[in-house]
Structures are given as C-alpha cells and as structure tokens.
C-alpha atoms as a PDB file:
ATOM      1  CA  MET A   1     -13.610   5.582  14.510  1.00  0.00           C
ATOM      2  CA  LYS A   2     -10.827   2.861  14.712  1.00  0.00           C
ATOM      3  CA  LEU A   3      -9.309   0.759  11.968  1.00  0.00           C
ATOM      4  CA  HIS A   4      -9.650  -2.897  12.471  1.00  0.00           C
ATOM      5  CA  CYS A   5      -5.989  -4.760  12.628  1.00  0.00           C
ATOM      6  CA  GLN A   6      -4.682  -8.034  13.539  1.00  0.00           C
ATOM      7  CA  ALA A   7      -1.548  -8.682  15.657  1.00  0.00           C
ATOM      8  CA  PHE A   8       0.727 -11.524  14.808  1.00  0.00           C
ATOM      9  CA  HIS A   9       3.903 -12.942  16.896  1.00  0.00           C
ATOM     10  CA  SER A  10       3.312 -10.055  19.321  1.00  0.00           C
ATOM     11  CA  HIS A  11       5.369 -11.972  22.004  1.00  0.00           C
ATOM     12  CA  HIS A  12       8.584 -10.898  20.371  1.00  0.00           C
ATOM     13  CA  GLN A  13      10.313  -7.795  21.440  1.00  0.00           C
ATOM     14  CA  GLY A  14      11.585  -5.035  19.365  1.00  0.00           C
ATOM     15  CA  ARG A  15      10.298  -3.036  16.266  1.00  0.00           C
ATOM     16  CA  TRP A  16       6.866  -3.927  14.657  1.00  0.00           C
ATOM     17  CA  LEU A  17       6.013  -4.270  11.294  1.00  0.00           C
ATOM     18  CA  VAL A  18       3.088  -2.612  10.315  1.00  0.00           C
ATOM     19  CA  TRP A  19       1.477  -3.682   6.828  1.00  0.00           C
ATOM     20  CA  LEU A  20      -0.675  -1.291   4.549  1.00  0.00           C
ATOM     21  CA  HIS A  21      -2.599  -3.192   1.634  1.00  0.00           C
ATOM     22  CA  GLY A  22      -3.539  -1.625  -1.643  1.00  0.00           C
ATOM     23  CA  LEU A  23      -6.906  -0.358  -3.017  1.00  0.00           C
ATOM     24  CA  LEU A  24      -9.662  -3.273  -2.964  1.00  0.00           C
ATOM     25  CA  GLY A  25      -7.302  -5.570  -0.964  1.00  0.00           C
ATOM     26  CA  SER A  26      -7.343  -6.337   3.051  1.00  0.00           C
ATOM     27  CA  GLY A  27      -4.935  -7.104   5.776  1.00  0.00           C
ATOM     28  CA  ALA A  28      -5.041 -10.792   4.843  1.00  0.00           C
ATOM     29  CA  ASP A  29      -3.056 -10.199   1.640  1.00  0.00           C
ATOM     30  CA  TRP A  30      -0.162 -10.045   3.814  1.00  0.00           C
ATOM     31  CA  LEU A  31      -0.290 -13.169   5.888  1.00  0.00           C
ATOM     32  CA  PRO A  32       2.147 -15.368   3.851  1.00  0.00           C
ATOM     33  CA  ALA A  33       4.595 -12.380   4.181  1.00  0.00           C
ATOM     34  CA  VAL A  34       3.774 -11.995   7.862  1.00  0.00           C
ATOM     35  CA  ALA A  35       4.363 -15.493   8.578  1.00  0.00           C
ATOM     36  CA  ALA A  36       7.987 -15.338   6.616  1.00  0.00           C
ATOM     37  CA  CYS A  37       8.866 -12.586   8.790  1.00  0.00           C
ATOM     38  CA  HIS A  38       7.668 -14.253  11.986  1.00  0.00           C
ATOM     39  CA  GLN A  39      10.859 -13.043  14.086  1.00  0.00           C
ATOM     40  CA  TYR A  40       9.194  -9.495  14.135  1.00  0.00           C
ATOM     41  CA  PRO A  41       5.826  -8.599  15.736  1.00  0.00           C
ATOM     42  CA  SER A  42       3.419  -7.651  12.804  1.00  0.00           C
ATOM     43  CA  LEU A  43       0.211  -5.374  12.898  1.00  0.00           C
ATOM     44  CA  VAL A  44      -1.722  -6.026   9.906  1.00  0.00           C
ATOM     45  CA  VAL A  45      -4.192  -3.340   9.041  1.00  0.00           C
ATOM     46  CA  ASP A  46      -7.666  -3.080   7.222  1.00  0.00           C
ATOM     47  CA  LEU A  47      -7.558   0.338   5.496  1.00  0.00           C
ATOM     48  CA  PRO A  48     -10.695   2.667   5.463  1.00  0.00           C
ATOM     49  CA  GLY A  49     -13.588   0.890   3.323  1.00  0.00           C
ATOM     50  CA  HIS A  50     -11.821  -2.318   3.201  1.00  0.00           C
ATOM     51  CA  GLY A  51     -12.064  -5.830   4.828  1.00  0.00           C
ATOM     52  CA  HIS A  52     -13.291  -5.226   8.548  1.00  0.00           C
ATOM     53  CA  SER A  53     -12.522  -1.655   8.347  1.00  0.00           C
ATOM     54  CA  VAL A  54     -15.572  -1.542   5.830  1.00  0.00           C
ATOM     55  CA  ASP A  55     -17.373   1.127   7.930  1.00  0.00           C
ATOM     56  CA  VAL A  56     -14.610   3.460   8.588  1.00  0.00           C
ATOM     57  CA  ASN A  57     -15.562   6.658   6.289  1.00  0.00           C
ATOM     58  CA  LEU A  58     -12.371   8.650   5.276  1.00  0.00           C
ATOM     59  CA  THR A  59     -13.128  11.935   4.239  1.00  0.00           C
ATOM     60  CA  GLY A  60     -10.102  13.866   5.101  1.00  0.00           C
ATOM     61  CA  GLY A  61      -7.562  12.526   2.508  1.00  0.00           C
ATOM     62  CA  PHE A  62      -4.062  11.576   3.504  1.00  0.00           C
ATOM     63  CA  ALA A  63      -3.750  13.906   6.445  1.00  0.00           C
ATOM     64  CA  GLU A  64      -6.900  12.098   8.035  1.00  0.00           C
ATOM     65  CA  MET A  65      -5.261   8.730   7.127  1.00  0.00           C
ATOM     66  CA  SER A  66      -2.078   9.573   8.666  1.00  0.00           C
ATOM     67  CA  ALA A  67      -3.903  10.662  12.121  1.00  0.00           C
ATOM     68  CA  LEU A  68      -5.946   7.231  11.939  1.00  0.00           C
ATOM     69  CA  LEU A  69      -2.783   5.216  11.445  1.00  0.00           C
ATOM     70  CA  ASN A  70      -1.281   7.025  14.739  1.00  0.00           C
ATOM     71  CA  ALA A  71      -4.156   6.245  16.426  1.00  0.00           C
ATOM     72  CA  THR A  72      -4.126   2.715  15.772  1.00  0.00           C
ATOM     73  CA  LEU A  73      -0.573   2.613  16.752  1.00  0.00           C
ATOM     74  CA  SER A  74      -1.395   4.214  19.879  1.00  0.00           C
ATOM     75  CA  ASP A  75      -4.338   1.903  20.460  1.00  0.00           C
ATOM     76  CA  TYR A  76      -1.883  -1.002  20.184  1.00  0.00           C
ATOM     77  CA  HIS A  77       1.017   0.512  22.110  1.00  0.00           C
ATOM     78  CA  ILE A  78       3.411   0.496  19.567  1.00  0.00           C
ATOM     79  CA  LYS A  79       6.038   3.222  19.745  1.00  0.00           C
ATOM     80  CA  ASP A  80       8.860   1.805  17.173  1.00  0.00           C
ATOM     81  CA  TYR A  81       7.738   0.560  14.011  1.00  0.00           C
ATOM     82  CA  TRP A  82       8.511   0.075  10.406  1.00  0.00           C
ATOM     83  CA  LEU A  83       5.949   0.872   7.749  1.00  0.00           C
ATOM     84  CA  ILE A  84       5.717  -1.497   4.751  1.00  0.00           C
ATOM     85  CA  GLY A  85       2.948  -0.546   2.316  1.00  0.00           C
ATOM     86  CA  TYR A  86       1.584  -1.943  -1.309  1.00  0.00           C
ATOM     87  CA  SER A  87       0.239   0.709  -3.913  1.00  0.00           C
ATOM     88  CA  LEU A  88      -2.197   2.657  -2.000  1.00  0.00           C
ATOM     89  CA  GLY A  89      -0.626   1.457   1.110  1.00  0.00           C
ATOM     90  CA  GLY A  90       2.810   2.338  -0.087  1.00  0.00           C
ATOM     91  CA  ARG A  91       1.341   6.004  -1.030  1.00  0.00           C
ATOM     92  CA  ILE A  92      -0.243   6.384   2.346  1.00  0.00           C
ATOM     93  CA  ALA A  93       3.161   5.009   4.029  1.00  0.00           C
ATOM     94  CA  MET A  94       5.264   7.711   2.172  1.00  0.00           C
ATOM     95  CA  TYR A  95       2.588  10.369   2.932  1.00  0.00           C
ATOM     96  CA  HIS A  96       2.965   9.335   6.603  1.00  0.00           C
ATOM     97  CA  ALA A  97       6.711   9.364   6.582  1.00  0.00           C
ATOM     98  CA  THR A  98       7.143  12.606   5.333  1.00  0.00           C
ATOM     99  CA  CYS A  99       3.774  14.984   5.948  1.00  0.00           C
ATOM    100  CA  GLY A 100       2.350  13.311   8.935  1.00  0.00           C
ATOM    101  CA  LYS A 101       3.651  12.792  12.451  1.00  0.00           C
ATOM    102  CA  PRO A 102       5.664   9.645  12.345  1.00  0.00           C
ATOM    103  CA  HIS A 103       6.784   9.545  15.920  1.00  0.00           C
ATOM    104  CA  GLY A 104       8.533   5.967  16.370  1.00  0.00           C
ATOM    105  CA  LEU A 105       8.720   5.353  12.498  1.00  0.00           C
ATOM    106  CA  GLN A 106      12.074   3.415  12.118  1.00  0.00           C
ATOM    107  CA  GLY A 107      12.002   2.519   8.609  1.00  0.00           C
ATOM    108  CA  LEU A 108      10.221   2.571   5.398  1.00  0.00           C
ATOM    109  CA  LEU A 109       9.324  -0.266   2.755  1.00  0.00           C
ATOM    110  CA  VAL A 110       7.315   0.709  -0.151  1.00  0.00           C
ATOM    111  CA  GLU A 111       6.173  -1.975  -2.785  1.00  0.00           C
ATOM    112  CA  GLY A 112       5.018  -0.351  -5.865  1.00  0.00           C
ATOM    113  CA  GLY A 113       3.723   3.066  -4.607  1.00  0.00           C
ATOM    114  CA  ASN A 114       3.455   6.158  -6.534  1.00  0.00           C
ATOM    115  CA  PRO A 115       5.556   9.301  -4.744  1.00  0.00           C
ATOM    116  CA  GLY A 116       3.360  11.662  -6.559  1.00  0.00           C
ATOM    117  CA  LEU A 117       2.513  13.799  -9.825  1.00  0.00           C
ATOM    118  CA  PHE A 118       4.739  16.827 -10.267  1.00  0.00           C
ATOM    119  CA  SER A 119       2.372  19.224 -12.210  1.00  0.00           C
ATOM    120  CA  ARG A 120      -1.052  20.427 -11.552  1.00  0.00           C
ATOM    121  CA  HIS A 121      -2.063  19.300 -14.826  1.00  0.00           C
ATOM    122  CA  GLU A 122      -1.100  15.848 -14.253  1.00  0.00           C
ATOM    123  CA  ARG A 123      -2.904  15.907 -10.838  1.00  0.00           C
ATOM    124  CA  HIS A 124      -5.981  17.088 -12.597  1.00  0.00           C
ATOM    125  CA  ARG A 125      -6.003  14.445 -15.084  1.00  0.00           C
ATOM    126  CA  ARG A 126      -5.512  11.616 -12.462  1.00  0.00           C
ATOM    127  CA  LEU A 127      -8.187  12.942 -10.229  1.00  0.00           C
ATOM    128  CA  GLN A 128     -10.423  12.688 -13.134  1.00  0.00           C
ATOM    129  CA  HIS A 129      -9.288   9.237 -14.085  1.00  0.00           C
ATOM    130  CA  ASP A 130      -9.914   7.913 -10.415  1.00  0.00           C
ATOM    131  CA  GLN A 131     -13.387   9.752 -10.461  1.00  0.00           C
ATOM    132  CA  HIS A 132     -14.267   7.738 -13.545  1.00  0.00           C
ATOM    133  CA  TRP A 133     -13.377   4.543 -11.932  1.00  0.00           C
ATOM    134  CA  ALA A 134     -15.177   5.554  -8.797  1.00  0.00           C
ATOM    135  CA  GLN A 135     -18.475   6.260 -10.581  1.00  0.00           C
ATOM    136  CA  ARG A 136     -18.230   2.802 -12.126  1.00  0.00           C
ATOM    137  CA  PHE A 137     -17.527   0.989  -8.718  1.00  0.00           C
ATOM    138  CA  ARG A 138     -20.764   3.013  -7.566  1.00  0.00           C
ATOM    139  CA  ARG A 139     -22.951   1.948 -10.214  1.00  0.00           C
ATOM    140  CA  GLU A 140     -22.074  -1.414 -11.715  1.00  0.00           C
ATOM    141  CA  PRO A 141     -21.643  -5.008 -10.774  1.00  0.00           C
ATOM    142  CA  MET A 142     -18.550  -5.101  -8.763  1.00  0.00           C
ATOM    143  CA  ARG A 143     -17.425  -8.271 -10.865  1.00  0.00           C
ATOM    144  CA  SER A 144     -17.666  -6.615 -14.090  1.00  0.00           C
ATOM    145  CA  VAL A 145     -15.828  -3.295 -13.002  1.00  0.00           C
ATOM    146  CA  LEU A 146     -12.972  -5.636 -11.591  1.00  0.00           C
ATOM    147  CA  ALA A 147     -12.622  -7.427 -14.996  1.00  0.00           C
ATOM    148  CA  ASP A 148     -11.734  -4.299 -16.569  1.00  0.00           C
ATOM    149  CA  TRP A 149      -9.790  -2.864 -13.834  1.00  0.00           C
ATOM    150  CA  TYR A 150      -7.421  -5.863 -13.886  1.00  0.00           C
ATOM    151  CA  GLN A 151      -7.123  -5.303 -17.555  1.00  0.00           C
ATOM    152  CA  GLN A 152      -5.115  -2.130 -17.141  1.00  0.00           C
ATOM    153  CA  PRO A 153      -1.473  -2.150 -18.192  1.00  0.00           C
ATOM    154  CA  ILE A 154      -0.081  -2.072 -14.694  1.00  0.00           C
ATOM    155  CA  PHE A 155      -1.581  -5.852 -14.194  1.00  0.00           C
ATOM    156  CA  ALA A 156      -0.411  -6.932 -17.547  1.00  0.00           C
ATOM    157  CA  ASP A 157       1.891  -9.801 -16.075  1.00  0.00           C
ATOM    158  CA  LEU A 158      -1.105 -11.597 -14.372  1.00  0.00           C
ATOM    159  CA  THR A 159      -2.048 -14.787 -15.758  1.00  0.00           C
ATOM    160  CA  ALA A 160      -5.702 -15.515 -16.647  1.00  0.00           C
ATOM    161  CA  ALA A 161      -5.647 -17.700 -13.411  1.00  0.00           C
ATOM    162  CA  GLN A 162      -4.405 -15.278 -11.273  1.00  0.00           C
ATOM    163  CA  ARG A 163      -6.733 -12.498 -12.763  1.00  0.00           C
ATOM    164  CA  GLU A 164      -9.727 -14.723 -12.254  1.00  0.00           C
ATOM    165  CA  GLN A 165      -8.532 -15.272  -8.652  1.00  0.00           C
ATOM    166  CA  LEU A 166      -8.027 -11.649  -7.803  1.00  0.00           C
ATOM    167  CA  ILE A 167     -11.442 -10.743  -9.342  1.00  0.00           C
ATOM    168  CA  ARG A 168     -13.211 -13.668  -7.029  1.00  0.00           C
ATOM    169  CA  LEU A 169     -11.369 -12.246  -3.904  1.00  0.00           C
ATOM    170  CA  ARG A 170     -11.938  -8.724  -4.454  1.00  0.00           C
ATOM    171  CA  SER A 171     -15.699  -8.836  -5.557  1.00  0.00           C
ATOM    172  CA  GLN A 172     -16.504  -9.186  -1.910  1.00  0.00           C
ATOM    173  CA  ASN A 173     -15.798  -5.509  -1.637  1.00  0.00           C
ATOM    174  CA  SER A 174     -18.523  -2.752  -1.402  1.00  0.00           C
ATOM    175  CA  GLY A 175     -18.535  -0.737  -4.521  1.00  0.00           C
ATOM    176  CA  ASN A 176     -19.439   2.439  -2.658  1.00  0.00           C
ATOM    177  CA  HIS A 177     -16.853   2.150  -0.018  1.00  0.00           C
ATOM    178  CA  ILE A 178     -14.079   1.633  -2.592  1.00  0.00           C
ATOM    179  CA  ALA A 179     -15.316   4.460  -4.469  1.00  0.00           C
ATOM    180  CA  ASP A 180     -14.886   6.578  -1.548  1.00  0.00           C
ATOM    181  CA  MET A 181     -11.603   5.675  -0.668  1.00  0.00           C
ATOM    182  CA  LEU A 182     -10.263   5.856  -4.346  1.00  0.00           C
ATOM    183  CA  GLU A 183     -11.570   9.438  -4.638  1.00  0.00           C
ATOM    184  CA  ASN A 184     -10.213  10.589  -1.069  1.00  0.00           C
ATOM    185  CA  THR A 185      -6.713   8.948  -1.753  1.00  0.00           C
ATOM    186  CA  SER A 186      -6.395   9.635  -5.267  1.00  0.00           C
ATOM    187  CA  LEU A 187      -2.941  10.287  -6.570  1.00  0.00           C
ATOM    188  CA  GLY A 188      -4.406  13.845  -7.780  1.00  0.00           C
ATOM    189  CA  HIS A 189      -4.983  14.619  -4.195  1.00  0.00           C
ATOM    190  CA  GLN A 190      -1.541  13.262  -2.997  1.00  0.00           C
ATOM    191  CA  PRO A 191       1.264  15.776  -2.436  1.00  0.00           C
ATOM    192  CA  TRP A 192       4.531  15.774  -4.501  1.00  0.00           C
ATOM    193  CA  LEU A 193       6.579  13.668  -2.222  1.00  0.00           C
ATOM    194  CA  VAL A 194       9.741  13.067  -4.093  1.00  0.00           C
ATOM    195  CA  PRO A 195      12.112  15.661  -2.653  1.00  0.00           C
ATOM    196  CA  ALA A 196      11.172  14.763   0.846  1.00  0.00           C
ATOM    197  CA  LEU A 197      11.629  10.977   0.152  1.00  0.00           C
ATOM    198  CA  GLN A 198      15.091  12.008  -1.054  1.00  0.00           C
ATOM    199  CA  GLN A 199      15.958  13.523   2.079  1.00  0.00           C
ATOM    200  CA  LEU A 200      14.469  10.602   4.676  1.00  0.00           C
ATOM    201  CA  SER A 201      16.892  10.107   7.667  1.00  0.00           C
ATOM    202  CA  ILE A 202      15.292   6.694   8.221  1.00  0.00           C
ATOM    203  CA  PRO A 203      16.070   3.593   6.045  1.00  0.00           C
ATOM    204  CA  PHE A 204      13.939   3.478   2.945  1.00  0.00           C
ATOM    205  CA  SER A 205      13.719   0.566   0.293  1.00  0.00           C
ATOM    206  CA  TYR A 206      11.563   1.013  -2.554  1.00  0.00           C
ATOM    207  CA  LEU A 207      10.542  -2.534  -3.645  1.00  0.00           C
ATOM    208  CA  CYS A 208       9.391  -3.315  -7.510  1.00  0.00           C
ATOM    209  CA  GLY A 209       8.609  -6.357  -9.395  1.00  0.00           C
ATOM    210  CA  GLU A 210      11.218  -6.998 -12.272  1.00  0.00           C
ATOM    211  CA  ASN A 211       8.433  -6.734 -14.959  1.00  0.00           C
ATOM    212  CA  ASP A 212       6.987  -3.837 -13.321  1.00  0.00           C
ATOM    213  CA  ARG A 213       8.549  -1.080 -15.977  1.00  0.00           C
ATOM    214  CA  LYS A 214       6.624   1.923 -15.068  1.00  0.00           C
ATOM    215  CA  PHE A 215       7.507   1.568 -11.162  1.00  0.00           C
ATOM    216  CA  GLN A 216      11.139   0.999 -12.065  1.00  0.00           C
ATOM    217  CA  GLN A 217      11.284   3.807 -14.157  1.00  0.00           C
ATOM    218  CA  ILE A 218       9.812   6.012 -11.411  1.00  0.00           C
ATOM    219  CA  ALA A 219      12.554   4.716  -8.899  1.00  0.00           C
ATOM    220  CA  GLN A 220      15.310   5.441 -11.333  1.00  0.00           C
ATOM    221  CA  GLN A 221      13.954   8.862 -12.249  1.00  0.00           C
ATOM    222  CA  TYR A 222      13.815   9.919  -8.808  1.00  0.00           C
ATOM    223  CA  THR A 223      16.967   8.041  -7.332  1.00  0.00           C
ATOM    224  CA  LEU A 224      14.786   6.283  -5.104  1.00  0.00           C
ATOM    225  CA  PRO A 225      16.437   3.182  -3.500  1.00  0.00           C
ATOM    226  CA  LEU A 226      15.210   0.430  -5.668  1.00  0.00           C
ATOM    227  CA  ASN A 227      15.112  -3.230  -4.726  1.00  0.00           C
ATOM    228  CA  THR A 228      13.940  -5.414  -7.524  1.00  0.00           C
ATOM    229  CA  ILE A 229      11.877  -8.633  -6.841  1.00  0.00           C
ATOM    230  CA  PRO A 230      12.677 -11.162  -9.696  1.00  0.00           C
ATOM    231  CA  GLN A 231       9.848 -12.630 -11.906  1.00  0.00           C
ATOM    232  CA  VAL A 232       6.934 -10.873 -11.138  1.00  0.00           C
ATOM    233  CA  GLY A 233       5.024  -7.568 -11.965  1.00  0.00           C
ATOM    234  CA  HIS A 234       3.513  -4.996  -9.883  1.00  0.00           C
ATOM    235  CA  ASN A 235       1.835  -7.021  -7.103  1.00  0.00           C
ATOM    236  CA  ALA A 236       5.350  -8.524  -6.073  1.00  0.00           C
ATOM    237  CA  HIS A 237       4.044  -9.834  -2.596  1.00  0.00           C
ATOM    238  CA  TYR A 238       1.338 -11.965  -4.588  1.00  0.00           C
ATOM    239  CA  GLY A 239       3.101 -13.038  -7.540  1.00  0.00           C
ATOM    240  CA  ASN A 240       6.192 -14.165  -5.648  1.00  0.00           C
ATOM    241  CA  SER A 241       5.838 -14.015  -2.086  1.00  0.00           C
ATOM    242  CA  VAL A 242       8.836 -15.973  -1.286  1.00  0.00           C
ATOM    243  CA  ALA A 243      11.244 -13.564  -2.772  1.00  0.00           C
ATOM    244  CA  PHE A 244       9.313 -10.627  -1.730  1.00  0.00           C
ATOM    245  CA  SER A 245       9.597 -11.702   1.721  1.00  0.00           C
ATOM    246  CA  ARG A 246      13.409 -12.695   1.479  1.00  0.00           C
ATOM    247  CA  ALA A 247      13.982  -9.195   0.150  1.00  0.00           C
ATOM    248  CA  VAL A 248      12.052  -7.655   3.294  1.00  0.00           C
ATOM    249  CA  ASN A 249      14.026  -9.978   5.773  1.00  0.00           C
ATOM    250  CA  HIS A 250      17.373  -9.122   4.205  1.00  0.00           C
ATOM    251  CA  PHE A 251      16.645  -5.303   4.098  1.00  0.00           C
ATOM    252  CA  LEU A 252      15.430  -5.280   7.968  1.00  0.00           C
ATOM    253  CA  SER A 253      18.617  -7.531   8.892  1.00  0.00           C
ATOM    254  CA  LEU A 254      20.671  -4.746   7.850  1.00  0.00           C
ATOM    255  CA  PHE A 255      19.729  -2.491  10.563  1.00  0.00           C
ATOM    256  CA  GLY A 256      19.908  -4.747  13.483  1.00  0.00           C
END
C-alpha cells in the first residue's frame, strides 16, 4: 500500500519539502506554493482516500499514517526533509514529528493544524462531531454536504465565489473514502501534542491566517511559534498563496 506522490524540482540538491494537504484536498492544492519554492525539491503527497491515493484505506489512524509517510519517503530515497502540512495534513505532520519515527526530519511548518484536545471529554465530543459528518458524507450527495461543510465558522472568511469554487473542486471526492479518513484521523483520536511540540529540537513555524482567530488563539495559548499570513483566514495557502509562499521561503532561508 503506497501513497501517490508527485516530485518537483528534484534536480536540486539538499533537503526536500514534503507537502501534506487537508481533508477533502489533494496534492494539487500545493502547486502554486511549490512553484514559488522552486529552489527546493518538493514531494507533493495525496493522503489516503484523496486524489490518486483514493484506494489507500487507512484503518490504523495516525500511527499507520506516520508509517505510510516513512515508507513513501523511503521509496523516493528522501533522507533529509521538511514537512509542511495544512489542517489535517498539519495534524499528521505534528504527530509524525512528535510521536512517529521522523528520521531525517529537519523542520516543521504547520498551517492551521490543531495540536490536540486536552481532556477526554473534549476528545469524545469531537469524535461524535466527526462521526456525524462522516455519516453525512457516506449517505448524502457530496455537493449538498459540502455546501454545509463550508458554512462552518472556520470558513467564514470565504467569499461566495471562493466557497462555490471549493465545493466544485471537492465534489470530485468519494464520500465513503472521505468519511473513512475523517473517522480514522479525527481530532478525537489524536494525542495531546502540545508538550512535545513545545520541546521540539527542530525549527518549527505555526502558520496562521490573519483572520483565523481560532488558530491564532491556539498558538498564543500554547506558545506555539506563530507566523501570521495577512488578509486571509483558515486556508491561507489558498486565500493568499503569494504571502503564504513568501513566509515559507523566508522561514526556510533562516536555516541555510
């Protein structure tokens, strides 16, 4: 079982950038940022149940996902790399960096990824929340579920045109596969990663849209290294790709 990936700028030497998209997305979401980071070799990953990895069935949660990521890196002979992840991809990246076997991981950039829920009660409530959405993805037409999905408060900054564009793009997904991934990687199943993140020995940047109050508050509450992207909300690389890519390139430049 292997994840589908695309390699870009692989003729360059040095550390790779490994890009992990969010729920409902695909590796193609990162292409503008990858183009802007052309001086680095990049590996763009399709997560299980998404894109060309649609038939990869994840059943073992974050531990299996971290192992899959290691196997993928091995297939591409990638020894030194940075992880860049958005939302679900960011949560996978944080888990991999703190709980996995991150051999060769040189740095971590997380965009709008939740580091976990502290209490068992919060995790139980979130699991119920995600199971509700999973049932809808399995039973209802994708477009109608997405119309409600993008009305959630976290997406409040989207314009009507942006919302419609995302619904159109994401309607290509399989509801069953999205539901499986949502349940297996629910925030309710994710460990509380904050203490481990606060002790990371590798460079770490927590990227967050200027209008994404929820995740700015998370970063400030837990003293995560916040880097704010202007004029955009939760999905910063989509809403302001130029500023997002500039922030990524600047952070990478600080470490040689």
